[in-house]
Amino acid sequence: MERTGKIIRRSIYIFLQNYRYFTSIAALLVFPFSASILLSQAIVPSSWPLLPIIHSRFNSLFDAAGFPASSQFFSILNLKLSQTISSSIFTIPFTLSFLLIAKAYIIRALHHYKPFLPPQFSSFLSIYNPLLLTQLCNSFFILSANAAAFSLLFIAFNSLDVSGFSSPNLLLFLSAAGAVLYSVILANALVICNLALVVAGMENCGGYLAILKSCVLIRGRTSTALSLALPVNLGLGAVEALFQYRLVRAYNFSGKLGPYMVLEGLFIAYLYSLLVVLDTVVSCMFFKSCKSGSGTDQESTYSYRIELVEEEDNSLSANAKLFQELP
């Protein structure tokens, strides 16, 4: 298994070596998705009518589950979950079309270790259906991960309430532990889902089978996968913050959208697209590293078993020879 730094260096090398295709075709394919993500960050918190409805439903759910209303953790979690779900609903048409087509293009182009060749239109569209099915299953998988995290928090807080230990310091500590637990579960789920899309494209299998293969591949390599996902996600967050600062803040201050602001917004969306393309390249290189590592492990295990069999055969031969020499 390769180290994180080596995978990142190899991914950047492949990206720069074939920048003509990655910065043109792939980036333009993912551009509408990037623009929808950035626009959703501006539209959803201010004028999206679905946000207050989802927020009130989560409030009712948390109250019915017995979570402490005074906990700031659940207030922030409620707001972030409401914004994430609203933004996902806003961007789901672009996710299921432009994002998956761009990922199919990149995965098909990096499918072999041969020199990079841009895939034909029919070639990379042939793996669109497995990617689509896997993306839909990923949504249910993430919902299941959230449900599992909320179930653990429900058990912890209600057990604390039943036992009578409800001091503010203990609630604060449990809220902090719950935030860490929820972040770890969600981060692992997102990494598995991201790798599952690559598995679906590389091995032409879709749905929960791709997620299962992703879980098998990532076993023992979770820290590597998380460390690979961290830099790209920090970059995506920085681009979103740049869009909020340069475009949304300026629009709220002036109340109008000039041509230079539109050009700057297009450039920021293009930067976001490049990071999405780079993230897909990194995921493909991580998949190949996992496959090569698994193959090496299986080969070494097979060789070890052969050595054991040979040692047993030698010992049996020696014992038989000794037995024949006895009077």
C-alpha atoms as a PDB file:
ATOM      1  CA  MET A   1       0.000   0.000   0.000  1.00  0.00           C
ATOM      2  CA  GLU A   2       1.437   3.364  -1.029  1.00  0.00           C
ATOM      3  CA  ARG A   3       1.697   6.281   1.349  1.00  0.00           C
ATOM      4  CA  THR A   4      -0.526   9.336   1.190  1.00  0.00           C
ATOM      5  CA  GLY A   5       2.179  11.665  -0.109  1.00  0.00           C
ATOM      6  CA  LYS A   6       3.118   9.306  -2.927  1.00  0.00           C
ATOM      7  CA  ILE A   7      -0.513   8.959  -4.067  1.00  0.00           C
ATOM      8  CA  ILE A   8      -0.986  12.732  -4.031  1.00  0.00           C
ATOM      9  CA  ARG A   9       2.238  13.338  -5.971  1.00  0.00           C
ATOM     10  CA  ARG A  10       1.292  10.733  -8.571  1.00  0.00           C
ATOM     11  CA  SER A  11      -2.198  12.215  -8.905  1.00  0.00           C
ATOM     12  CA  ILE A  12      -0.860  15.737  -9.393  1.00  0.00           C
ATOM     13  CA  TYR A  13       1.697  14.425 -11.912  1.00  0.00           C
ATOM     14  CA  ILE A  14      -1.039  12.718 -13.971  1.00  0.00           C
ATOM     15  CA  PHE A  15      -3.238  15.807 -13.713  1.00  0.00           C
ATOM     16  CA  LEU A  16      -0.477  18.131 -14.939  1.00  0.00           C
ATOM     17  CA  GLN A  17       0.735  15.693 -17.591  1.00  0.00           C
ATOM     18  CA  ASN A  18      -2.746  15.617 -19.145  1.00  0.00           C
ATOM     19  CA  TYR A  19      -3.915  19.082 -18.140  1.00  0.00           C
ATOM     20  CA  ARG A  20      -5.319  19.761 -21.645  1.00  0.00           C
ATOM     21  CA  TYR A  21      -8.049  17.184 -21.130  1.00  0.00           C
ATOM     22  CA  PHE A  22      -8.632  17.663 -17.417  1.00  0.00           C
ATOM     23  CA  THR A  23      -8.800  21.462 -17.557  1.00  0.00           C
ATOM     24  CA  SER A  24     -10.950  21.581 -20.683  1.00  0.00           C
ATOM     25  CA  ILE A  25     -13.329  18.661 -21.283  1.00  0.00           C
ATOM     26  CA  ALA A  26     -13.549  17.283 -17.734  1.00  0.00           C
ATOM     27  CA  ALA A  27     -13.712  20.722 -16.075  1.00  0.00           C
ATOM     28  CA  LEU A  28     -16.392  21.938 -18.492  1.00  0.00           C
ATOM     29  CA  LEU A  29     -18.443  18.789 -17.927  1.00  0.00           C
ATOM     30  CA  VAL A  30     -18.446  19.350 -14.167  1.00  0.00           C
ATOM     31  CA  PHE A  31     -18.835  23.147 -14.415  1.00  0.00           C
ATOM     32  CA  PRO A  32     -22.688  23.233 -14.179  1.00  0.00           C
ATOM     33  CA  PHE A  33     -22.515  21.116 -11.014  1.00  0.00           C
ATOM     34  CA  SER A  34     -19.926  23.461  -9.494  1.00  0.00           C
ATOM     35  CA  ALA A  35     -22.011  26.517 -10.339  1.00  0.00           C
ATOM     36  CA  SER A  36     -25.101  24.920  -8.767  1.00  0.00           C
ATOM     37  CA  ILE A  37     -23.178  24.124  -5.570  1.00  0.00           C
ATOM     38  CA  LEU A  38     -21.923  27.697  -5.225  1.00  0.00           C
ATOM     39  CA  LEU A  39     -25.319  29.198  -6.051  1.00  0.00           C
ATOM     40  CA  SER A  40     -27.025  26.915  -3.547  1.00  0.00           C
ATOM     41  CA  GLN A  41     -24.725  28.268  -0.826  1.00  0.00           C
ATOM     42  CA  ALA A  42     -26.082  31.739  -1.613  1.00  0.00           C
ATOM     43  CA  ILE A  43     -29.736  30.971  -2.351  1.00  0.00           C
ATOM     44  CA  VAL A  44     -30.604  28.311   0.236  1.00  0.00           C
ATOM     45  CA  PRO A  45     -29.855  30.289   3.454  1.00  0.00           C
ATOM     46  CA  SER A  46     -31.735  33.388   2.276  1.00  0.00           C
ATOM     47  CA  SER A  47     -34.714  32.620   0.047  1.00  0.00           C
ATOM     48  CA  TRP A  48     -35.101  28.842  -0.311  1.00  0.00           C
ATOM     49  CA  PRO A  49     -38.628  28.089   0.988  1.00  0.00           C
ATOM     50  CA  LEU A  50     -37.835  24.481   1.860  1.00  0.00           C
ATOM     51  CA  LEU A  51     -35.160  25.352   4.446  1.00  0.00           C
ATOM     52  CA  PRO A  52     -37.461  26.529   7.311  1.00  0.00           C
ATOM     53  CA  ILE A  53     -39.726  23.510   6.787  1.00  0.00           C
ATOM     54  CA  ILE A  54     -36.820  21.051   7.091  1.00  0.00           C
ATOM     55  CA  HIS A  55     -35.433  22.997  10.054  1.00  0.00           C
ATOM     56  CA  SER A  56     -38.734  22.824  11.944  1.00  0.00           C
ATOM     57  CA  ARG A  57     -39.048  19.082  11.217  1.00  0.00           C
ATOM     58  CA  PHE A  58     -35.597  18.438  12.639  1.00  0.00           C
ATOM     59  CA  ASN A  59     -36.499  20.498  15.705  1.00  0.00           C
ATOM     60  CA  SER A  60     -39.562  18.332  16.283  1.00  0.00           C
ATOM     61  CA  LEU A  61     -37.515  15.170  15.734  1.00  0.00           C
ATOM     62  CA  PHE A  62     -34.803  16.218  18.199  1.00  0.00           C
ATOM     63  CA  ASP A  63     -37.392  17.208  20.810  1.00  0.00           C
ATOM     64  CA  ALA A  64     -39.215  13.886  20.418  1.00  0.00           C
ATOM     65  CA  ALA A  65     -35.920  11.999  20.750  1.00  0.00           C
ATOM     66  CA  GLY A  66     -35.214  13.716  24.070  1.00  0.00           C
ATOM     67  CA  PHE A  67     -32.092  15.577  23.013  1.00  0.00           C
ATOM     68  CA  PRO A  68     -31.384  18.546  25.307  1.00  0.00           C
ATOM     69  CA  ALA A  69     -32.801  21.724  23.803  1.00  0.00           C
ATOM     70  CA  SER A  70     -30.132  23.812  25.545  1.00  0.00           C
ATOM     71  CA  SER A  71     -27.282  21.982  23.789  1.00  0.00           C
ATOM     72  CA  GLN A  72     -25.576  24.230  21.254  1.00  0.00           C
ATOM     73  CA  PHE A  73     -24.277  21.151  19.437  1.00  0.00           C
ATOM     74  CA  PHE A  74     -27.761  20.053  18.385  1.00  0.00           C
ATOM     75  CA  SER A  75     -28.718  23.596  17.392  1.00  0.00           C
ATOM     76  CA  ILE A  76     -25.724  23.831  15.063  1.00  0.00           C
ATOM     77  CA  LEU A  77     -26.276  20.272  13.831  1.00  0.00           C
ATOM     78  CA  ASN A  78     -29.927  21.045  13.075  1.00  0.00           C
ATOM     79  CA  LEU A  79     -29.000  24.129  11.059  1.00  0.00           C
ATOM     80  CA  LYS A  80     -26.207  22.401   9.116  1.00  0.00           C
ATOM     81  CA  LEU A  81     -28.316  19.341   8.341  1.00  0.00           C
ATOM     82  CA  SER A  82     -31.171  21.537   7.124  1.00  0.00           C
ATOM     83  CA  GLN A  83     -28.842  23.535   4.887  1.00  0.00           C
ATOM     84  CA  THR A  84     -27.142  20.391   3.554  1.00  0.00           C
ATOM     85  CA  ILE A  85     -30.419  18.664   2.681  1.00  0.00           C
ATOM     86  CA  SER A  86     -31.845  21.804   1.090  1.00  0.00           C
ATOM     87  CA  SER A  87     -28.675  22.340  -0.938  1.00  0.00           C
ATOM     88  CA  SER A  88     -28.674  18.676  -2.013  1.00  0.00           C
ATOM     89  CA  ILE A  89     -32.264  18.933  -3.239  1.00  0.00           C
ATOM     90  CA  PHE A  90     -31.344  22.092  -5.154  1.00  0.00           C
ATOM     91  CA  THR A  91     -28.306  20.486  -6.830  1.00  0.00           C
ATOM     92  CA  ILE A  92     -29.513  16.895  -7.328  1.00  0.00           C
ATOM     93  CA  PRO A  93     -30.330  17.305 -11.069  1.00  0.00           C
ATOM     94  CA  PHE A  94     -26.783  18.552 -11.723  1.00  0.00           C
ATOM     95  CA  THR A  95     -25.282  15.844  -9.513  1.00  0.00           C
ATOM     96  CA  LEU A  96     -27.029  12.992 -11.309  1.00  0.00           C
ATOM     97  CA  SER A  97     -26.189  14.359 -14.749  1.00  0.00           C
ATOM     98  CA  PHE A  98     -23.108  16.583 -15.154  1.00  0.00           C
ATOM     99  CA  LEU A  99     -21.120  15.366 -12.141  1.00  0.00           C
ATOM    100  CA  LEU A 100     -21.568  11.672 -12.940  1.00  0.00           C
ATOM    101  CA  ILE A 101     -20.797  12.209 -16.638  1.00  0.00           C
ATOM    102  CA  ALA A 102     -17.592  14.053 -15.703  1.00  0.00           C
ATOM    103  CA  LYS A 103     -16.599  11.297 -13.273  1.00  0.00           C
ATOM    104  CA  ALA A 104     -17.330   8.681 -15.950  1.00  0.00           C
ATOM    105  CA  TYR A 105     -15.056  10.553 -18.369  1.00  0.00           C
ATOM    106  CA  ILE A 106     -12.177  10.732 -15.858  1.00  0.00           C
ATOM    107  CA  ILE A 107     -12.559   7.148 -14.622  1.00  0.00           C
ATOM    108  CA  ARG A 108     -12.676   5.742 -18.140  1.00  0.00           C
ATOM    109  CA  ALA A 109      -9.622   7.798 -19.132  1.00  0.00           C
ATOM    110  CA  LEU A 110      -7.628   6.500 -16.139  1.00  0.00           C
ATOM    111  CA  HIS A 111      -8.921   2.948 -16.338  1.00  0.00           C
ATOM    112  CA  HIS A 112      -5.649   1.459 -17.609  1.00  0.00           C
ATOM    113  CA  TYR A 113      -2.003   2.114 -16.799  1.00  0.00           C
ATOM    114  CA  LYS A 114      -1.378   2.840 -20.474  1.00  0.00           C
ATOM    115  CA  PRO A 115      -0.606   6.395 -21.681  1.00  0.00           C
ATOM    116  CA  PHE A 116      -3.551   8.723 -21.281  1.00  0.00           C
ATOM    117  CA  LEU A 117      -5.999   8.726 -24.152  1.00  0.00           C
ATOM    118  CA  PRO A 118      -9.257  10.707 -24.076  1.00  0.00           C
ATOM    119  CA  PRO A 119     -12.136   8.211 -24.124  1.00  0.00           C
ATOM    120  CA  GLN A 120     -14.752   8.123 -26.841  1.00  0.00           C
ATOM    121  CA  PHE A 121     -18.191   9.523 -26.092  1.00  0.00           C
ATOM    122  CA  SER A 122     -19.893   6.130 -26.153  1.00  0.00           C
ATOM    123  CA  SER A 123     -17.087   4.597 -24.081  1.00  0.00           C
ATOM    124  CA  PHE A 124     -17.447   6.690 -20.951  1.00  0.00           C
ATOM    125  CA  LEU A 125     -21.239   6.924 -21.228  1.00  0.00           C
ATOM    126  CA  SER A 126     -21.379   3.117 -21.036  1.00  0.00           C
ATOM    127  CA  ILE A 127     -20.470   3.279 -17.329  1.00  0.00           C
ATOM    128  CA  TYR A 128     -22.962   6.048 -16.557  1.00  0.00           C
ATOM    129  CA  ASN A 129     -25.709   3.639 -15.457  1.00  0.00           C
ATOM    130  CA  PRO A 130     -23.526   1.883 -12.813  1.00  0.00           C
ATOM    131  CA  LEU A 131     -22.426   5.294 -11.534  1.00  0.00           C
ATOM    132  CA  LEU A 132     -26.027   6.507 -11.364  1.00  0.00           C
ATOM    133  CA  LEU A 133     -27.177   3.417  -9.461  1.00  0.00           C
ATOM    134  CA  THR A 134     -24.211   3.690  -7.099  1.00  0.00           C
ATOM    135  CA  GLN A 135     -24.889   7.393  -6.476  1.00  0.00           C
ATOM    136  CA  LEU A 136     -28.488   6.617  -5.527  1.00  0.00           C
ATOM    137  CA  CYS A 137     -27.339   3.847  -3.195  1.00  0.00           C
ATOM    138  CA  ASN A 138     -24.735   6.217  -1.741  1.00  0.00           C
ATOM    139  CA  SER A 139     -27.547   8.559  -0.726  1.00  0.00           C
ATOM    140  CA  PHE A 140     -29.262   5.784   1.217  1.00  0.00           C
ATOM    141  CA  PHE A 141     -25.926   4.728   2.704  1.00  0.00           C
ATOM    142  CA  ILE A 142     -25.255   8.252   4.004  1.00  0.00           C
ATOM    143  CA  LEU A 143     -28.784   8.410   5.413  1.00  0.00           C
ATOM    144  CA  SER A 144     -28.124   5.108   7.176  1.00  0.00           C
ATOM    145  CA  ALA A 145     -24.860   6.451   8.599  1.00  0.00           C
ATOM    146  CA  ASN A 146     -26.676   9.522   9.931  1.00  0.00           C
ATOM    147  CA  ALA A 147     -29.397   7.326  11.409  1.00  0.00           C
ATOM    148  CA  ALA A 148     -26.781   5.132  13.117  1.00  0.00           C
ATOM    149  CA  ALA A 149     -25.043   8.197  14.578  1.00  0.00           C
ATOM    150  CA  PHE A 150     -28.331   9.649  15.841  1.00  0.00           C
ATOM    151  CA  SER A 151     -29.262   6.285  17.381  1.00  0.00           C
ATOM    152  CA  LEU A 152     -26.009   6.199  19.349  1.00  0.00           C
ATOM    153  CA  LEU A 153     -26.538   9.793  20.492  1.00  0.00           C
ATOM    154  CA  PHE A 154     -30.132   8.976  21.431  1.00  0.00           C
ATOM    155  CA  ILE A 155     -29.003   6.032  23.574  1.00  0.00           C
ATOM    156  CA  ALA A 156     -26.234   8.049  25.225  1.00  0.00           C
ATOM    157  CA  PHE A 157     -28.308  11.126  26.121  1.00  0.00           C
ATOM    158  CA  ASN A 158     -31.363   9.176  27.261  1.00  0.00           C
ATOM    159  CA  SER A 159     -29.231   6.835  29.373  1.00  0.00           C
ATOM    160  CA  LEU A 160     -27.701   9.894  30.984  1.00  0.00           C
ATOM    161  CA  ASP A 161     -31.134  11.368  31.614  1.00  0.00           C
ATOM    162  CA  VAL A 162     -32.502   8.143  33.122  1.00  0.00           C
ATOM    163  CA  SER A 163     -29.509   7.727  35.425  1.00  0.00           C
ATOM    164  CA  GLY A 164     -30.038  11.224  36.810  1.00  0.00           C
ATOM    165  CA  PHE A 165     -26.670  12.660  35.741  1.00  0.00           C
ATOM    166  CA  SER A 166     -27.667  15.841  33.949  1.00  0.00           C
ATOM    167  CA  SER A 167     -25.133  18.435  35.037  1.00  0.00           C
ATOM    168  CA  PRO A 168     -24.227  21.149  32.462  1.00  0.00           C
ATOM    169  CA  ASN A 169     -20.566  20.107  32.410  1.00  0.00           C
ATOM    170  CA  LEU A 170     -21.464  16.494  31.694  1.00  0.00           C
ATOM    171  CA  LEU A 171     -23.876  17.519  28.951  1.00  0.00           C
ATOM    172  CA  LEU A 172     -21.162  19.698  27.417  1.00  0.00           C
ATOM    173  CA  PHE A 173     -18.667  16.839  27.493  1.00  0.00           C
ATOM    174  CA  LEU A 174     -21.162  14.419  25.986  1.00  0.00           C
ATOM    175  CA  SER A 175     -22.066  16.941  23.276  1.00  0.00           C
ATOM    176  CA  ALA A 176     -18.400  17.344  22.358  1.00  0.00           C
ATOM    177  CA  ALA A 177     -17.954  13.565  22.270  1.00  0.00           C
ATOM    178  CA  GLY A 178     -21.089  13.287  20.149  1.00  0.00           C
ATOM    179  CA  ALA A 179     -19.729  15.866  17.694  1.00  0.00           C
ATOM    180  CA  VAL A 180     -16.497  13.888  17.317  1.00  0.00           C
ATOM    181  CA  LEU A 181     -18.377  10.596  16.920  1.00  0.00           C
ATOM    182  CA  TYR A 182     -20.756  12.044  14.341  1.00  0.00           C
ATOM    183  CA  SER A 183     -17.867  13.578  12.362  1.00  0.00           C
ATOM    184  CA  VAL A 184     -15.945  10.292  12.309  1.00  0.00           C
ATOM    185  CA  ILE A 185     -18.962   8.260  11.166  1.00  0.00           C
ATOM    186  CA  LEU A 186     -19.925  10.764   8.472  1.00  0.00           C
ATOM    187  CA  ALA A 187     -16.338  11.167   7.212  1.00  0.00           C
ATOM    188  CA  ASN A 188     -15.926   7.402   6.834  1.00  0.00           C
ATOM    189  CA  ALA A 189     -19.283   7.129   5.052  1.00  0.00           C
ATOM    190  CA  LEU A 190     -18.368   9.885   2.589  1.00  0.00           C
ATOM    191  CA  VAL A 191     -14.978   8.334   1.852  1.00  0.00           C
ATOM    192  CA  ILE A 192     -16.579   4.931   1.206  1.00  0.00           C
ATOM    193  CA  CYS A 193     -19.193   6.494  -1.094  1.00  0.00           C
ATOM    194  CA  ASN A 194     -16.552   8.425  -3.028  1.00  0.00           C
ATOM    195  CA  LEU A 195     -14.492   5.277  -3.558  1.00  0.00           C
ATOM    196  CA  ALA A 196     -17.630   3.304  -4.466  1.00  0.00           C
ATOM    197  CA  LEU A 197     -18.173   5.546  -7.499  1.00  0.00           C
ATOM    198  CA  VAL A 198     -14.651   4.778  -8.704  1.00  0.00           C
ATOM    199  CA  VAL A 199     -15.201   1.047  -8.102  1.00  0.00           C
ATOM    200  CA  ALA A 200     -18.440   1.202 -10.093  1.00  0.00           C
ATOM    201  CA  GLY A 201     -16.662   2.829 -13.025  1.00  0.00           C
ATOM    202  CA  MET A 202     -13.494   0.739 -12.933  1.00  0.00           C
ATOM    203  CA  GLU A 203     -15.174  -2.665 -12.471  1.00  0.00           C
ATOM    204  CA  ASN A 204     -18.499  -1.871 -14.175  1.00  0.00           C
ATOM    205  CA  CYS A 205     -20.623  -2.848 -11.182  1.00  0.00           C
ATOM    206  CA  GLY A 206     -23.230  -0.638  -9.587  1.00  0.00           C
ATOM    207  CA  GLY A 207     -25.366  -0.258  -6.504  1.00  0.00           C
ATOM    208  CA  TYR A 208     -24.637  -1.799  -3.135  1.00  0.00           C
ATOM    209  CA  LEU A 209     -22.137  -4.224  -4.668  1.00  0.00           C
ATOM    210  CA  ALA A 210     -19.829  -1.280  -5.439  1.00  0.00           C
ATOM    211  CA  ILE A 211     -20.265   0.014  -1.869  1.00  0.00           C
ATOM    212  CA  LEU A 212     -19.463  -3.445  -0.485  1.00  0.00           C
ATOM    213  CA  LYS A 213     -16.321  -3.690  -2.626  1.00  0.00           C
ATOM    214  CA  SER A 214     -15.353  -0.202  -1.489  1.00  0.00           C
ATOM    215  CA  CYS A 215     -15.673  -1.267   2.160  1.00  0.00           C
ATOM    216  CA  VAL A 216     -13.463  -4.285   1.495  1.00  0.00           C
ATOM    217  CA  LEU A 217     -10.833  -2.215  -0.317  1.00  0.00           C
ATOM    218  CA  ILE A 218     -10.711   0.503   2.320  1.00  0.00           C
ATOM    219  CA  ARG A 219     -10.343  -1.936   5.222  1.00  0.00           C
ATOM    220  CA  GLY A 220      -7.105  -1.141   7.026  1.00  0.00           C
ATOM    221  CA  ARG A 221      -6.579   1.969   4.879  1.00  0.00           C
ATOM    222  CA  THR A 222      -9.111   4.337   6.441  1.00  0.00           C
ATOM    223  CA  SER A 223      -6.500   6.784   7.708  1.00  0.00           C
ATOM    224  CA  THR A 224      -4.953   7.001   4.230  1.00  0.00           C
ATOM    225  CA  ALA A 225      -8.348   7.611   2.626  1.00  0.00           C
ATOM    226  CA  LEU A 226      -9.228  10.336   5.130  1.00  0.00           C
ATOM    227  CA  SER A 227      -5.859  12.049   4.733  1.00  0.00           C
ATOM    228  CA  LEU A 228      -6.317  12.008   0.943  1.00  0.00           C
ATOM    229  CA  ALA A 229      -9.801  13.512   1.188  1.00  0.00           C
ATOM    230  CA  LEU A 230      -8.813  16.245   3.650  1.00  0.00           C
ATOM    231  CA  PRO A 231      -6.703  18.545   1.368  1.00  0.00           C
ATOM    232  CA  VAL A 232      -9.225  18.533  -1.474  1.00  0.00           C
ATOM    233  CA  ASN A 233     -12.154  19.177   0.862  1.00  0.00           C
ATOM    234  CA  LEU A 234     -10.254  22.034   2.489  1.00  0.00           C
ATOM    235  CA  GLY A 235      -9.675  23.461  -0.980  1.00  0.00           C
ATOM    236  CA  LEU A 236     -13.363  23.125  -1.865  1.00  0.00           C
ATOM    237  CA  GLY A 237     -14.300  24.838   1.384  1.00  0.00           C
ATOM    238  CA  ALA A 238     -11.857  27.651   0.660  1.00  0.00           C
ATOM    239  CA  VAL A 239     -13.368  28.187  -2.815  1.00  0.00           C
ATOM    240  CA  GLU A 240     -16.882  28.267  -1.315  1.00  0.00           C
ATOM    241  CA  ALA A 241     -15.708  30.835   1.252  1.00  0.00           C
ATOM    242  CA  LEU A 242     -14.118  32.879  -1.557  1.00  0.00           C
ATOM    243  CA  PHE A 243     -17.431  32.858  -3.446  1.00  0.00           C
ATOM    244  CA  GLN A 244     -19.280  34.000  -0.339  1.00  0.00           C
ATOM    245  CA  TYR A 245     -16.778  36.787   0.315  1.00  0.00           C
ATOM    246  CA  ARG A 246     -16.314  38.077  -3.237  1.00  0.00           C
ATOM    247  CA  LEU A 247     -19.788  37.574  -4.734  1.00  0.00           C
ATOM    248  CA  VAL A 248     -22.478  37.080  -2.092  1.00  0.00           C
ATOM    249  CA  ARG A 249     -21.097  39.717   0.263  1.00  0.00           C
ATOM    250  CA  ALA A 250     -20.640  42.240  -2.560  1.00  0.00           C
ATOM    251  CA  TYR A 251     -24.141  41.569  -3.909  1.00  0.00           C
ATOM    252  CA  ASN A 252     -25.727  41.997  -0.477  1.00  0.00           C
ATOM    253  CA  PHE A 253     -23.810  45.249  -0.023  1.00  0.00           C
ATOM    254  CA  SER A 254     -24.528  46.822  -3.424  1.00  0.00           C
ATOM    255  CA  GLY A 255     -27.803  45.124  -4.324  1.00  0.00           C
ATOM    256  CA  LYS A 256     -26.797  44.594  -7.973  1.00  0.00           C
ATOM    257  CA  LEU A 257     -24.751  42.168 -10.019  1.00  0.00           C
ATOM    258  CA  GLY A 258     -22.298  43.727 -12.465  1.00  0.00           C
ATOM    259  CA  PRO A 259     -20.549  42.074 -15.430  1.00  0.00           C
ATOM    260  CA  TYR A 260     -17.224  41.896 -13.595  1.00  0.00           C
ATOM    261  CA  MET A 261     -18.895  40.094 -10.699  1.00  0.00           C
ATOM    262  CA  VAL A 262     -20.388  37.588 -13.148  1.00  0.00           C
ATOM    263  CA  LEU A 263     -16.965  36.930 -14.703  1.00  0.00           C
ATOM    264  CA  GLU A 264     -15.425  36.533 -11.260  1.00  0.00           C
ATOM    265  CA  GLY A 265     -18.182  34.116 -10.288  1.00  0.00           C
ATOM    266  CA  LEU A 266     -17.550  32.039 -13.418  1.00  0.00           C
ATOM    267  CA  PHE A 267     -13.838  31.931 -12.640  1.00  0.00           C
ATOM    268  CA  ILE A 268     -14.489  30.784  -9.054  1.00  0.00           C
ATOM    269  CA  ALA A 269     -16.868  28.082 -10.329  1.00  0.00           C
ATOM    270  CA  TYR A 270     -14.126  26.961 -12.730  1.00  0.00           C
ATOM    271  CA  LEU A 271     -11.652  26.692  -9.838  1.00  0.00           C
ATOM    272  CA  TYR A 272     -14.209  24.573  -7.986  1.00  0.00           C
ATOM    273  CA  SER A 273     -14.517  22.337 -11.062  1.00  0.00           C
ATOM    274  CA  LEU A 274     -10.754  21.818 -11.229  1.00  0.00           C
ATOM    275  CA  LEU A 275     -10.718  20.692  -7.586  1.00  0.00           C
ATOM    276  CA  VAL A 276     -13.569  18.243  -8.244  1.00  0.00           C
ATOM    277  CA  VAL A 277     -11.612  16.825 -11.197  1.00  0.00           C
ATOM    278  CA  LEU A 278      -8.463  16.539  -9.072  1.00  0.00           C
ATOM    279  CA  ASP A 279     -10.445  14.805  -6.321  1.00  0.00           C
ATOM    280  CA  THR A 280     -11.658  12.204  -8.841  1.00  0.00           C
ATOM    281  CA  VAL A 281      -8.096  11.642 -10.085  1.00  0.00           C
ATOM    282  CA  VAL A 282      -6.898  11.139  -6.491  1.00  0.00           C
ATOM    283  CA  SER A 283      -9.724   8.646  -5.862  1.00  0.00           C
ATOM    284  CA  CYS A 284      -8.744   6.690  -8.988  1.00  0.00           C
ATOM    285  CA  MET A 285      -5.095   6.557  -7.914  1.00  0.00           C
ATOM    286  CA  PHE A 286      -6.140   5.454  -4.423  1.00  0.00           C
ATOM    287  CA  PHE A 287      -8.288   2.700  -5.939  1.00  0.00           C
ATOM    288  CA  LYS A 288      -5.354   1.439  -8.026  1.00  0.00           C
ATOM    289  CA  SER A 289      -3.105   1.582  -4.973  1.00  0.00           C
ATOM    290  CA  CYS A 290      -5.628  -0.465  -2.977  1.00  0.00           C
ATOM    291  CA  LYS A 291      -5.913  -3.038  -5.755  1.00  0.00           C
ATOM    292  CA  SER A 292      -2.165  -3.396  -6.113  1.00  0.00           C
ATOM    293  CA  GLY A 293      -1.773  -3.650  -2.344  1.00  0.00           C
ATOM    294  CA  SER A 294      -4.494  -6.296  -2.130  1.00  0.00           C
ATOM    295  CA  GLY A 295      -2.872  -8.239  -4.930  1.00  0.00           C
ATOM    296  CA  THR A 296       0.501  -8.105  -3.173  1.00  0.00           C
ATOM    297  CA  ASP A 297      -1.018  -9.245   0.099  1.00  0.00           C
ATOM    298  CA  GLN A 298      -2.789 -12.163  -1.560  1.00  0.00           C
ATOM    299  CA  GLU A 299       0.391 -13.153  -3.413  1.00  0.00           C
ATOM    300  CA  SER A 300       2.493 -13.037  -0.251  1.00  0.00           C
ATOM    301  CA  THR A 301      -0.118 -15.077   1.637  1.00  0.00           C
ATOM    302  CA  TYR A 302      -0.165 -17.633  -1.159  1.00  0.00           C
ATOM    303  CA  SER A 303       3.650 -17.867  -1.144  1.00  0.00           C
ATOM    304  CA  TYR A 304       3.669 -18.286   2.624  1.00  0.00           C
ATOM    305  CA  ARG A 305       1.197 -21.157   2.382  1.00  0.00           C
ATOM    306  CA  ILE A 306       3.343 -22.818  -0.303  1.00  0.00           C
ATOM    307  CA  GLU A 307       6.381 -22.553   1.962  1.00  0.00           C
ATOM    308  CA  LEU A 308       4.447 -24.168   4.814  1.00  0.00           C
ATOM    309  CA  VAL A 309       3.352 -27.038   2.572  1.00  0.00           C
ATOM    310  CA  GLU A 310       6.938 -27.566   1.365  1.00  0.00           C
ATOM    311  CA  GLU A 311       8.232 -27.585   4.951  1.00  0.00           C
ATOM    312  CA  GLU A 312       5.607 -30.147   5.923  1.00  0.00           C
ATOM    313  CA  ASP A 313       6.530 -32.310   2.921  1.00  0.00           C
ATOM    314  CA  ASN A 314      10.236 -32.131   3.819  1.00  0.00           C
ATOM    315  CA  SER A 315       9.547 -33.058   7.436  1.00  0.00           C
ATOM    316  CA  LEU A 316       7.361 -35.992   6.364  1.00  0.00           C
ATOM    317  CA  SER A 317      10.057 -37.205   3.970  1.00  0.00           C
ATOM    318  CA  ALA A 318      12.697 -36.959   6.686  1.00  0.00           C
ATOM    319  CA  ASN A 319      10.528 -38.893   9.143  1.00  0.00           C
ATOM    320  CA  ALA A 320       9.803 -41.582   6.526  1.00  0.00           C
ATOM    321  CA  LYS A 321      13.514 -41.954   5.762  1.00  0.00           C
ATOM    322  CA  LEU A 322      14.321 -42.163   9.477  1.00  0.00           C
ATOM    323  CA  PHE A 323      11.603 -44.774   9.899  1.00  0.00           C
ATOM    324  CA  GLN A 324      13.043 -46.868   7.076  1.00  0.00           C
ATOM    325  CA  GLU A 325      16.537 -46.783   8.643  1.00  0.00           C
ATOM    326  CA  LEU A 326      15.252 -48.187  11.934  1.00  0.00           C
ATOM    327  CA  PRO A 327      15.905 -51.941  12.452  1.00  0.00           C
END
